[in-house]
Amino acid sequence: MGLSTRRRMASITGLQCTLQDLMTVARALLNDAPLLILDEPTTNLDPAAEHELRDEIYPATPGRATLAITHRLVHMERMDEILMLEYRSIVERGTYEKLLKANSLYKRVVEVQNQMLTTS
């Protein structure tokens, strides 16, 4: 009994993610809508593949507003504005630099995530 086509594994630079995940991102990029919403686009990717995909996504979206919803706060310096949510409310708002300079929730989450990435 084989896996369904939707869940078949595809390789990105030797790393694994699902074909469904890749197709979802590709469809969003090919659609010429003025607003691109990316909801956890790199969830099933490891850090190297995530970096590669993000490097491909942002140049492919010139002139389009892009809303990236994510728990993984990597490559956020590319964002014009970051909204930090807690319990369904915006608790912080600012640029990457501004939020890192402040004693912010954003800064604390970034520090924890960086520690997790360097110790794994």
Protein backbone atom coordinates (compact mmCIF):
# COMPACT_ATOMS: atom_id res chain seq x y z
CA MET A 1 0.00 0.00 0.00
CA GLY A 2 1.65 3.21 -1.21
CA LEU A 3 1.40 6.77 0.00
CA SER A 4 -1.15 9.01 -1.69
CA THR A 5 0.18 11.41 -4.30
CA ARG A 6 -0.61 14.36 -2.02
CA ARG A 7 1.71 13.09 0.70
CA ARG A 8 4.49 11.66 -1.51
CA MET A 9 7.87 12.97 -0.45
CA ALA A 10 9.75 15.35 -2.72
CA SER A 11 13.37 16.35 -2.36
CA ILE A 12 14.65 19.92 -2.18
CA THR A 13 18.43 19.97 -2.26
CA GLY A 14 18.47 16.52 -0.69
CA LEU A 15 16.10 17.51 2.12
CA GLN A 16 12.55 16.29 2.58
CA CYS A 17 9.21 18.05 2.50
CA THR A 18 5.86 16.98 1.11
CA LEU A 19 4.86 17.51 -2.47
CA GLN A 20 1.63 19.06 -1.23
CA ASP A 21 3.60 21.74 0.65
CA LEU A 22 5.64 22.61 -2.44
CA MET A 23 2.57 22.72 -4.67
CA THR A 24 0.76 25.04 -2.26
CA VAL A 25 3.63 27.55 -2.26
CA ALA A 26 4.06 27.27 -6.05
CA ARG A 27 0.34 27.93 -6.66
CA ALA A 28 0.44 30.99 -4.42
CA LEU A 29 3.48 32.38 -6.23
CA LEU A 30 1.99 31.77 -9.69
CA ASN A 31 -1.30 33.45 -8.80
CA ASP A 32 -0.93 37.14 -9.65
CA ALA A 33 -3.07 38.39 -6.76
CA PRO A 34 -1.96 41.71 -5.20
CA LEU A 35 -1.84 40.06 -1.74
CA LEU A 36 0.16 36.91 -1.05
CA ILE A 37 -0.66 35.14 2.22
CA LEU A 38 1.91 32.58 3.37
CA ASP A 39 0.65 30.61 6.37
CA GLU A 40 3.55 28.60 7.79
CA PRO A 41 5.06 27.99 4.32
CA THR A 42 8.18 26.31 5.69
CA THR A 43 6.68 24.21 8.48
CA ASN A 44 7.91 20.84 7.20
CA LEU A 45 11.33 22.02 6.07
CA ASP A 46 14.62 21.86 7.91
CA PRO A 47 16.54 25.14 8.37
CA ALA A 48 18.67 24.81 5.20
CA ALA A 49 15.68 24.12 2.94
CA GLU A 50 13.69 26.85 4.69
CA HIS A 51 16.46 29.35 3.94
CA GLU A 52 16.58 28.28 0.28
CA LEU A 53 12.80 28.53 -0.15
CA ARG A 54 12.63 31.97 1.49
CA ASP A 55 15.43 33.16 -0.82
CA GLU A 56 13.23 32.12 -3.75
CA ILE A 57 9.91 33.48 -2.41
CA TYR A 58 10.74 37.12 -1.73
CA PRO A 59 12.30 38.00 -5.13
CA ALA A 60 9.27 36.35 -6.77
CA THR A 61 6.85 38.78 -5.11
CA PRO A 62 7.85 42.31 -6.22
CA GLY A 63 5.04 44.84 -6.00
CA ARG A 64 2.85 42.47 -3.98
CA ALA A 65 1.93 42.79 -0.35
CA THR A 66 3.01 39.62 1.43
CA LEU A 67 1.61 38.50 4.76
CA ALA A 68 3.81 35.79 6.27
CA ILE A 69 2.30 33.94 9.24
CA THR A 70 4.92 31.94 11.09
CA HIS A 71 6.13 30.65 14.42
CA ARG A 72 9.71 30.36 13.14
CA LEU A 73 11.21 33.83 13.35
CA VAL A 74 14.01 33.43 10.81
CA HIS A 75 14.79 35.84 7.96
CA MET A 76 12.45 38.39 9.53
CA GLU A 77 14.88 41.23 8.78
CA ARG A 78 13.41 41.21 5.26
CA MET A 79 9.97 42.23 6.54
CA ASP A 80 8.83 45.85 6.38
CA GLU A 81 6.85 45.39 9.58
CA ILE A 82 6.46 42.62 12.15
CA LEU A 83 3.32 42.12 14.23
CA MET A 84 3.76 39.96 17.32
CA LEU A 85 0.59 38.25 18.49
CA GLU A 86 -0.18 36.81 21.88
CA TYR A 87 -3.55 35.35 22.78
CA ARG A 88 -5.10 36.60 19.49
CA SER A 89 -4.04 40.21 20.09
CA ILE A 90 -1.25 42.33 18.64
CA VAL A 91 1.13 42.98 21.53
CA GLU A 92 4.08 44.43 19.58
CA ARG A 93 4.60 46.05 16.23
CA GLY A 94 7.71 47.34 14.53
CA THR A 95 10.67 46.68 12.30
CA TYR A 96 13.09 43.85 12.92
CA GLU A 97 15.73 46.28 14.22
CA LYS A 98 13.31 48.15 16.49
CA LEU A 99 11.94 44.98 18.08
CA LEU A 100 15.41 43.52 18.67
CA LYS A 101 16.64 46.72 20.32
CA ALA A 102 13.72 46.83 22.74
CA ASN A 103 13.21 44.44 25.64
CA SER A 104 10.41 42.86 23.65
CA LEU A 105 8.57 39.58 23.52
CA TYR A 106 9.82 39.30 19.94
CA LYS A 107 13.46 39.60 21.07
CA ARG A 108 12.98 36.96 23.79
CA VAL A 109 11.36 34.50 21.34
CA VAL A 110 14.15 35.06 18.79
CA GLU A 111 16.76 34.40 21.48
CA VAL A 112 15.06 31.15 22.53
CA GLN A 113 14.72 29.98 18.92
CA ASN A 114 18.38 30.82 18.20
CA GLN A 115 19.45 28.82 21.26
CA MET A 116 17.37 25.85 20.09
CA LEU A 117 18.90 26.00 16.60
CA THR A 118 22.49 26.22 17.86
CA THR A 119 22.12 23.37 20.37
CA SER A 120 20.40 20.94 18.00
